[in-house]
Amino acid sequence: MLLAKGLHRAGHQVCVVLLTRDGSRSEALREAGIEVVLIGKKFKLDPTALSRLTKWMKQWKPDVVHTWLFAANSFGRVAAKLCKVPVVIASERCVDPWKRNWHFFIDRRLARLSDAITTNSEGVRDFYHVHGIDGAQFEIIPNGVEAASHTSSSIDRSTAFERLEVANDRKLIVAVGRLWPQKRIRDLIWAGELLGTLRQDTTLVIIGDGPQREEMLRHRDTVSRPLHVRFAGARDDVQQLLPHADAFWIASEYEGQSNAVVEAMLAGVPVVASNIPGNRDLVEDGETGFLFDLGDEAKMVEITNVILNNPQLASKVTSNAKSNIENNFSVDAMIQRHVRLYEKLLKPK
């Protein structure tokens, strides 16, 4: 959405095509004057969706088609080539171990139709290179974030803790993410209980919703208690809450480039992250955050305990992290890098 709005402000004609269903971001796009088109794919291999997409593309006649994620990458690139669109670009945003051999077969075949593939992380590029796509085809453009909106909170600490139902005198650990296997919520729950038992003054609040919600609540009730681990559900006030956290946890098994980590860094919260490719792009261990081996809950607890006991270390790391994000991950930089890529690929060969 930020890219589309930035391109539109710069004078480019932009249309956002939704392959399957409408979503919460559409209204902001329409309010910005950007056309939003819904194709309405009804099932995975819906041939009528490809037909509608191709028909629309022939009428709109774009110079560049930029597709995002597997379904849109598949349908969009085929339609773009059928319509002889001058520049076709795909985008991969995450390491995707869920993909099977047939997914990678399609990815490799359609890479031949692509002038470039954008991604936000060296880890994503390397993952797809291992699965047969030339790493040189990838253009790494980090996610852009609006730094000004994360620099401070419009609510005080008491209000933030009241909203999260946490007592004011406790240390607040925050995790943000969808409740599904990739995020390893069980690891977070175990670590939250370990830290709470060790210190007797911490509460982990997990913000987000997803298909594992009921299962994770049952697991929490089996191994921990709400004093140590709370679930806050999906919320629209995360940017207001984050600056009041004492640490931010992410235990994911795989990521591209986590927006939640970027937002925590901008909010001045020390990040403790699983040592995986996407997180390593953002977290330099001991300098801009802290890394722990995947699944090592004890190390998460050990690192966080050090942070909570050493405000000077926490301040140094958060200052480094915030400077890095503000200097290298701005929305303007992200938009300009996309524009330069489009212009380079549109030049006559």
Protein backbone atom coordinates (compact mmCIF):
# COMPACT_ATOMS: atom_id res chain seq x y z
CA MET A 1 0.00 0.00 0.00
CA LEU A 2 2.85 2.39 0.87
CA LEU A 3 4.52 1.70 -2.47
CA ALA A 4 1.30 2.22 -4.43
CA LYS A 5 0.54 5.49 -2.65
CA GLY A 6 4.12 6.71 -3.10
CA LEU A 7 4.12 5.96 -6.82
CA HIS A 8 0.77 7.71 -7.17
CA ARG A 9 2.05 10.82 -5.35
CA ALA A 10 5.05 10.88 -7.69
CA GLY A 11 2.73 11.15 -10.70
CA HIS A 12 2.63 7.55 -11.90
CA GLN A 13 -0.63 5.92 -12.89
CA VAL A 14 -1.19 3.07 -10.42
CA CYS A 15 -3.79 0.34 -10.17
CA VAL A 16 -3.91 -2.30 -7.45
CA VAL A 17 -5.46 -5.60 -8.55
CA LEU A 18 -6.82 -7.92 -5.85
CA LEU A 19 -6.83 -11.50 -7.09
CA THR A 20 -9.04 -13.23 -4.52
CA ARG A 21 -10.88 -10.89 -2.16
CA ASP A 22 -11.11 -7.31 -0.95
CA GLY A 23 -9.31 -6.32 2.24
CA SER A 24 -8.85 -3.71 4.92
CA ARG A 25 -6.27 -1.64 2.99
CA SER A 26 -8.47 -0.98 -0.03
CA GLU A 27 -10.28 2.00 1.43
CA ALA A 28 -7.02 3.87 2.11
CA LEU A 29 -5.93 3.22 -1.48
CA ARG A 30 -9.22 4.46 -2.90
CA GLU A 31 -9.12 7.54 -0.68
CA ALA A 32 -5.67 8.29 -2.11
CA GLY A 33 -7.15 8.22 -5.63
CA ILE A 34 -5.78 4.80 -6.59
CA GLU A 35 -7.96 2.46 -8.62
CA VAL A 36 -8.58 -0.90 -6.92
CA VAL A 37 -9.83 -3.82 -9.04
CA LEU A 38 -11.17 -7.09 -7.63
CA ILE A 39 -10.79 -10.15 -9.88
CA GLY A 40 -12.54 -12.59 -7.51
CA LYS A 41 -10.65 -15.89 -7.85
CA LYS A 42 -12.97 -18.52 -6.37
CA PHE A 43 -10.58 -21.46 -5.90
CA LYS A 44 -6.90 -22.28 -6.36
CA LEU A 45 -6.87 -23.10 -10.09
CA ASP A 46 -9.83 -20.95 -11.15
CA PRO A 47 -9.38 -20.54 -14.94
CA THR A 48 -12.09 -17.89 -15.09
CA ALA A 49 -9.98 -15.68 -12.85
CA LEU A 50 -7.08 -15.86 -15.30
CA SER A 51 -9.50 -14.99 -18.09
CA ARG A 52 -10.89 -11.97 -16.21
CA LEU A 53 -7.42 -10.81 -15.24
CA THR A 54 -6.16 -11.08 -18.81
CA LYS A 55 -9.19 -9.23 -20.15
CA TRP A 56 -8.71 -6.41 -17.64
CA MET A 57 -4.97 -6.19 -18.38
CA LYS A 58 -5.57 -5.90 -22.13
CA GLN A 59 -7.88 -2.96 -21.48
CA TRP A 60 -5.62 -1.19 -18.97
CA LYS A 61 -2.37 -1.77 -20.93
CA PRO A 62 0.18 -1.35 -18.12
CA ASP A 63 3.87 -0.71 -18.76
CA VAL A 64 4.84 -2.69 -15.65
CA VAL A 65 3.07 -5.54 -13.88
CA HIS A 66 4.49 -6.23 -10.41
CA THR A 67 3.00 -9.29 -8.69
CA TRP A 68 3.23 -10.26 -5.01
CA LEU A 69 3.22 -13.76 -3.43
CA PHE A 70 2.54 -17.17 -4.93
CA ALA A 71 -1.01 -16.96 -6.30
CA ALA A 72 -0.62 -13.46 -7.74
CA ASN A 73 2.86 -14.32 -9.02
CA SER A 74 1.38 -17.29 -10.88
CA PHE A 75 -1.79 -15.78 -12.33
CA GLY A 76 -0.33 -12.29 -12.80
CA ARG A 77 2.81 -13.26 -14.69
CA VAL A 78 0.91 -15.55 -17.06
CA ALA A 79 -1.68 -12.84 -17.78
CA ALA A 80 1.05 -10.22 -18.25
CA LYS A 81 2.87 -12.33 -20.81
CA LEU A 82 -0.36 -13.14 -22.64
CA CYS A 83 -0.95 -9.37 -22.85
CA LYS A 84 2.66 -8.65 -23.91
CA VAL A 85 3.27 -6.30 -20.97
CA PRO A 86 6.74 -4.74 -21.47
CA VAL A 87 8.04 -5.40 -17.92
CA VAL A 88 6.97 -8.25 -15.64
CA ILE A 89 8.26 -8.40 -12.07
CA ALA A 90 7.41 -10.88 -9.34
CA SER A 91 7.98 -10.48 -5.60
CA GLU A 92 8.87 -13.02 -2.90
CA ARG A 93 8.54 -11.69 0.64
CA CYS A 94 9.37 -14.66 2.84
CA VAL A 95 11.30 -17.89 3.19
CA ASP A 96 8.56 -20.41 2.28
CA PRO A 97 9.29 -23.93 3.60
CA TRP A 98 5.59 -24.75 3.24
CA LYS A 99 6.01 -24.94 -0.53
CA ARG A 100 6.10 -28.36 -2.14
CA ASN A 101 8.00 -29.50 -5.22
CA TRP A 102 5.16 -28.47 -7.53
CA HIS A 103 5.19 -24.93 -6.10
CA PHE A 104 8.91 -24.60 -6.80
CA PHE A 105 8.42 -26.09 -10.28
CA ILE A 106 5.91 -23.34 -11.06
CA ASP A 107 8.21 -20.71 -9.51
CA ARG A 108 11.13 -21.85 -11.68
CA ARG A 109 9.06 -21.93 -14.87
CA LEU A 110 7.55 -18.50 -14.26
CA ALA A 111 10.93 -17.01 -13.33
CA ARG A 112 11.70 -17.34 -17.05
CA LEU A 113 8.84 -14.92 -17.73
CA SER A 114 10.14 -12.38 -15.20
CA ASP A 115 12.41 -9.43 -15.85
CA ALA A 116 13.24 -9.34 -12.14
CA ILE A 117 12.06 -10.66 -8.78
CA THR A 118 12.01 -8.26 -5.84
CA THR A 119 12.48 -9.32 -2.24
CA ASN A 120 13.13 -7.67 1.09
CA SER A 121 15.87 -9.96 2.38
CA GLU A 122 19.08 -11.72 1.38
CA GLY A 123 17.71 -14.75 3.21
CA VAL A 124 14.73 -14.97 0.85
CA ARG A 125 16.98 -14.64 -2.19
CA ASP A 126 19.27 -17.40 -0.93
CA PHE A 127 16.31 -19.68 -0.14
CA TYR A 128 14.96 -19.44 -3.69
CA HIS A 129 18.44 -19.77 -5.20
CA VAL A 130 18.75 -23.14 -3.43
CA HIS A 131 15.44 -24.12 -5.04
CA GLY A 132 16.62 -23.38 -8.57
CA ILE A 133 16.06 -19.68 -9.27
CA ASP A 134 19.10 -17.64 -10.21
CA GLY A 135 20.02 -15.35 -7.31
CA ALA A 136 21.11 -12.69 -9.80
CA GLN A 137 17.47 -12.30 -10.86
CA PHE A 138 16.57 -10.93 -7.43
CA GLU A 139 16.54 -7.24 -6.53
CA ILE A 140 16.74 -6.72 -2.77
CA ILE A 141 14.69 -3.71 -1.65
CA PRO A 142 14.14 -3.50 2.12
CA ASN A 143 10.66 -2.79 3.44
CA GLY A 144 9.86 0.87 3.98
CA VAL A 145 8.44 2.14 7.25
CA GLU A 146 7.05 5.52 8.23
CA ALA A 147 9.47 6.40 11.01
CA ALA A 148 7.62 9.47 12.28
CA SER A 149 4.58 7.44 13.29
CA HIS A 150 6.67 5.17 15.55
CA THR A 151 8.84 7.64 17.43
CA SER A 152 6.51 8.17 20.39
CA SER A 153 3.22 7.01 21.83
CA SER A 154 0.08 9.08 22.15
CA ILE A 155 -0.81 7.25 25.38
CA ASP A 156 1.08 6.95 28.67
CA ARG A 157 2.42 3.77 30.22
CA SER A 158 -0.48 3.41 32.64
CA THR A 159 -3.00 3.56 29.81
CA ALA A 160 -1.01 1.06 27.73
CA PHE A 161 -0.83 -1.40 30.62
CA GLU A 162 -4.53 -0.92 31.40
CA ARG A 163 -5.44 -1.73 27.79
CA LEU A 164 -3.36 -4.91 27.96
CA GLU A 165 -4.69 -5.80 31.43
CA VAL A 166 -1.18 -5.85 32.92
CA ALA A 167 -0.31 -4.40 36.32
CA ASN A 168 1.75 -1.19 36.20
CA ASP A 169 4.58 -2.55 38.33
CA ARG A 170 5.45 -5.42 35.95
CA LYS A 171 8.01 -5.59 33.15
CA LEU A 172 6.24 -5.87 29.80
CA ILE A 173 7.46 -8.25 27.09
CA VAL A 174 5.59 -7.99 23.77
CA ALA A 175 5.34 -10.38 20.82
CA VAL A 176 3.32 -9.54 17.72
CA GLY A 177 2.31 -12.02 15.03
CA ARG A 178 -0.21 -14.38 13.56
CA LEU A 179 -1.02 -17.36 15.74
CA TRP A 180 0.11 -20.17 13.48
CA PRO A 181 3.04 -22.65 13.34
CA GLN A 182 5.57 -20.36 11.59
CA LYS A 183 5.62 -18.05 14.64
CA ARG A 184 6.39 -20.83 17.17
CA ILE A 185 3.97 -19.47 19.75
CA ARG A 186 4.66 -22.48 22.01
CA ASP A 187 8.27 -21.32 22.35
CA LEU A 188 7.05 -17.88 23.37
CA ILE A 189 4.70 -19.32 25.98
CA TRP A 190 7.42 -21.52 27.51
CA ALA A 191 9.88 -18.62 27.57
CA GLY A 192 7.27 -16.30 29.08
CA GLU A 193 6.62 -18.79 31.87
CA LEU A 194 10.36 -19.35 32.47
CA LEU A 195 11.08 -15.62 32.65
CA GLY A 196 8.06 -14.97 34.86
CA THR A 197 9.11 -17.72 37.25
CA LEU A 198 12.72 -16.52 37.30
CA ARG A 199 12.01 -12.84 37.96
CA GLN A 200 8.47 -12.75 39.37
CA ASP A 201 7.91 -9.34 37.72
CA THR A 202 7.36 -9.97 33.97
CA THR A 203 4.31 -10.48 31.77
CA LEU A 204 4.54 -11.56 28.13
CA VAL A 205 1.68 -10.20 26.01
CA ILE A 206 1.16 -11.91 22.66
CA ILE A 207 -0.68 -9.64 20.22
CA GLY A 208 -2.33 -11.23 17.20
CA ASP A 209 -4.88 -13.78 16.13
CA GLY A 210 -4.92 -16.83 13.90
CA PRO A 211 -5.88 -20.47 13.45
CA GLN A 212 -3.92 -21.66 16.51
CA ARG A 213 -5.56 -19.28 18.97
CA GLU A 214 -7.65 -21.82 20.91
CA GLU A 215 -4.87 -24.41 20.86
CA MET A 216 -2.33 -21.89 22.19
CA LEU A 217 -4.69 -20.69 24.90
CA ARG A 218 -5.10 -24.28 26.07
CA HIS A 219 -1.33 -24.74 26.00
CA ARG A 220 -0.83 -21.56 28.01
CA ASP A 221 -3.34 -22.72 30.60
CA THR A 222 -1.49 -26.05 30.85
CA VAL A 223 2.05 -24.73 31.35
CA SER A 224 1.63 -21.13 32.52
CA ARG A 225 -0.89 -18.57 33.79
CA PRO A 226 -2.17 -15.14 32.64
CA LEU A 227 0.08 -13.35 35.13
CA HIS A 228 3.08 -14.55 33.11
CA VAL A 229 1.60 -14.95 29.59
CA ARG A 230 -1.41 -13.09 28.22
CA PHE A 231 -3.07 -13.12 24.78
CA ALA A 232 -4.34 -9.72 23.63
CA GLY A 233 -5.86 -10.74 20.27
CA ALA A 234 -5.69 -8.67 17.10
CA ARG A 235 -5.34 -4.95 17.86
CA ASP A 236 -5.15 -1.70 15.90
CA ASP A 237 -3.22 0.21 18.59
CA VAL A 238 0.10 -1.69 18.47
CA GLN A 239 2.09 1.44 17.58
CA GLN A 240 0.75 3.14 20.71
CA LEU A 241 1.53 0.14 22.92
CA LEU A 242 4.99 -0.82 21.67
CA PRO A 243 6.99 2.13 23.10
CA HIS A 244 5.95 1.03 26.58
CA ALA A 245 7.38 -2.51 26.23
CA ASP A 246 10.60 -3.45 28.00
CA ALA A 247 11.53 -6.06 25.38
CA PHE A 248 10.20 -7.47 22.10
CA TRP A 249 10.30 -11.19 21.27
CA ILE A 250 10.09 -12.97 17.91
CA ALA A 251 10.63 -16.75 17.82
CA SER A 252 9.68 -17.39 14.18
CA GLU A 253 10.89 -20.47 12.30
CA TYR A 254 11.15 -18.45 9.08
CA GLU A 255 10.60 -14.86 8.00
CA GLY A 256 11.27 -12.53 5.11
CA GLN A 257 11.75 -9.17 6.74
CA SER A 258 9.56 -8.77 9.79
CA ASN A 259 7.67 -5.49 9.91
CA ALA A 260 6.98 -6.18 13.59
CA VAL A 261 10.73 -6.20 14.32
CA VAL A 262 11.21 -2.96 12.38
CA GLU A 263 8.36 -1.31 14.28
CA ALA A 264 9.75 -2.45 17.63
CA MET A 265 13.16 -1.01 16.74
CA LEU A 266 11.62 2.32 15.76
CA ALA A 267 9.69 2.33 19.04
CA GLY A 268 12.95 2.02 20.97
CA VAL A 269 12.31 -1.50 22.27
CA PRO A 270 15.18 -4.02 22.52
CA VAL A 271 14.55 -6.97 20.18
CA VAL A 272 15.29 -10.60 21.03
CA ALA A 273 14.92 -12.63 17.83
CA SER A 274 15.38 -16.17 16.54
CA ASN A 275 18.61 -16.58 14.58
CA ILE A 276 17.12 -17.08 11.11
CA PRO A 277 17.95 -15.42 7.76
CA GLY A 278 15.20 -12.78 7.75
CA ASN A 279 15.89 -11.68 11.31
CA ARG A 280 19.67 -11.58 10.76
CA ASP A 281 19.12 -8.93 8.08
CA LEU A 282 17.80 -6.62 10.81
CA VAL A 283 19.47 -7.78 14.01
CA GLU A 284 23.22 -7.60 14.49
CA ASP A 285 23.70 -9.59 17.66
CA GLY A 286 24.67 -7.36 20.56
CA GLU A 287 24.58 -4.21 18.42
CA THR A 288 21.02 -3.67 17.11
CA GLY A 289 19.35 -6.50 19.03
CA PHE A 290 19.97 -10.01 20.25
CA LEU A 291 19.76 -13.42 18.54
CA PHE A 292 19.07 -16.87 19.99
CA ASP A 293 19.15 -20.26 18.29
CA LEU A 294 15.77 -21.42 17.02
CA GLY A 295 13.80 -23.13 19.78
CA ASP A 296 16.21 -22.19 22.59
CA GLU A 297 13.73 -20.75 25.09
CA ALA A 298 16.33 -20.74 27.89
CA LYS A 299 18.57 -18.46 25.83
CA MET A 300 15.65 -16.11 25.17
CA VAL A 301 15.11 -15.86 28.90
CA GLU A 302 18.81 -15.42 29.66
CA ILE A 303 19.18 -12.59 27.11
CA THR A 304 16.01 -10.84 28.25
CA ASN A 305 17.03 -11.04 31.88
CA VAL A 306 20.34 -9.35 31.01
CA ILE A 307 18.48 -6.59 29.12
CA LEU A 308 16.10 -5.95 32.01
CA ASN A 309 18.99 -5.80 34.47
CA ASN A 310 21.20 -3.58 32.29
CA PRO A 311 19.42 -0.39 31.15
CA GLN A 312 22.64 1.00 29.65
CA LEU A 313 23.01 -2.01 27.34
CA ALA A 314 19.35 -1.82 26.38
CA SER A 315 19.68 1.90 25.60
CA LYS A 316 22.79 1.39 23.44
CA VAL A 317 21.20 -1.39 21.41
CA THR A 318 17.88 0.39 20.88
CA SER A 319 19.66 3.60 19.81
CA ASN A 320 21.73 1.68 17.25
CA ALA A 321 18.69 -0.17 15.95
CA LYS A 322 16.55 2.94 15.60
CA SER A 323 19.30 4.80 13.71
CA ASN A 324 19.75 1.86 11.34
CA ILE A 325 16.04 1.66 10.54
CA GLU A 326 15.62 5.42 10.08
CA ASN A 327 18.66 5.63 7.79
CA ASN A 328 18.13 2.49 5.68
CA PHE A 329 14.47 1.51 5.77
CA SER A 330 12.54 4.68 4.97
CA VAL A 331 9.43 4.66 2.78
CA ASP A 332 10.99 7.20 0.42
CA ALA A 333 14.08 5.04 -0.09
CA MET A 334 11.90 1.98 -0.76
CA ILE A 335 9.80 3.86 -3.33
CA GLN A 336 12.81 5.37 -5.11
CA ARG A 337 14.50 1.99 -5.41
CA HIS A 338 11.38 0.55 -7.03
CA VAL A 339 11.17 3.52 -9.42
CA ARG A 340 14.82 3.06 -10.43
CA LEU A 341 14.20 -0.65 -11.04
CA TYR A 342 11.13 0.05 -13.20
CA GLU A 343 12.95 2.72 -15.21
CA LYS A 344 15.99 0.49 -15.76
CA LEU A 345 13.86 -2.41 -17.01
CA LEU A 346 11.75 -0.14 -19.25
CA LYS A 347 14.79 1.15 -21.14
CA PRO A 348 15.05 -0.27 -24.67
CA LYS A 349 17.40 -3.23 -24.78
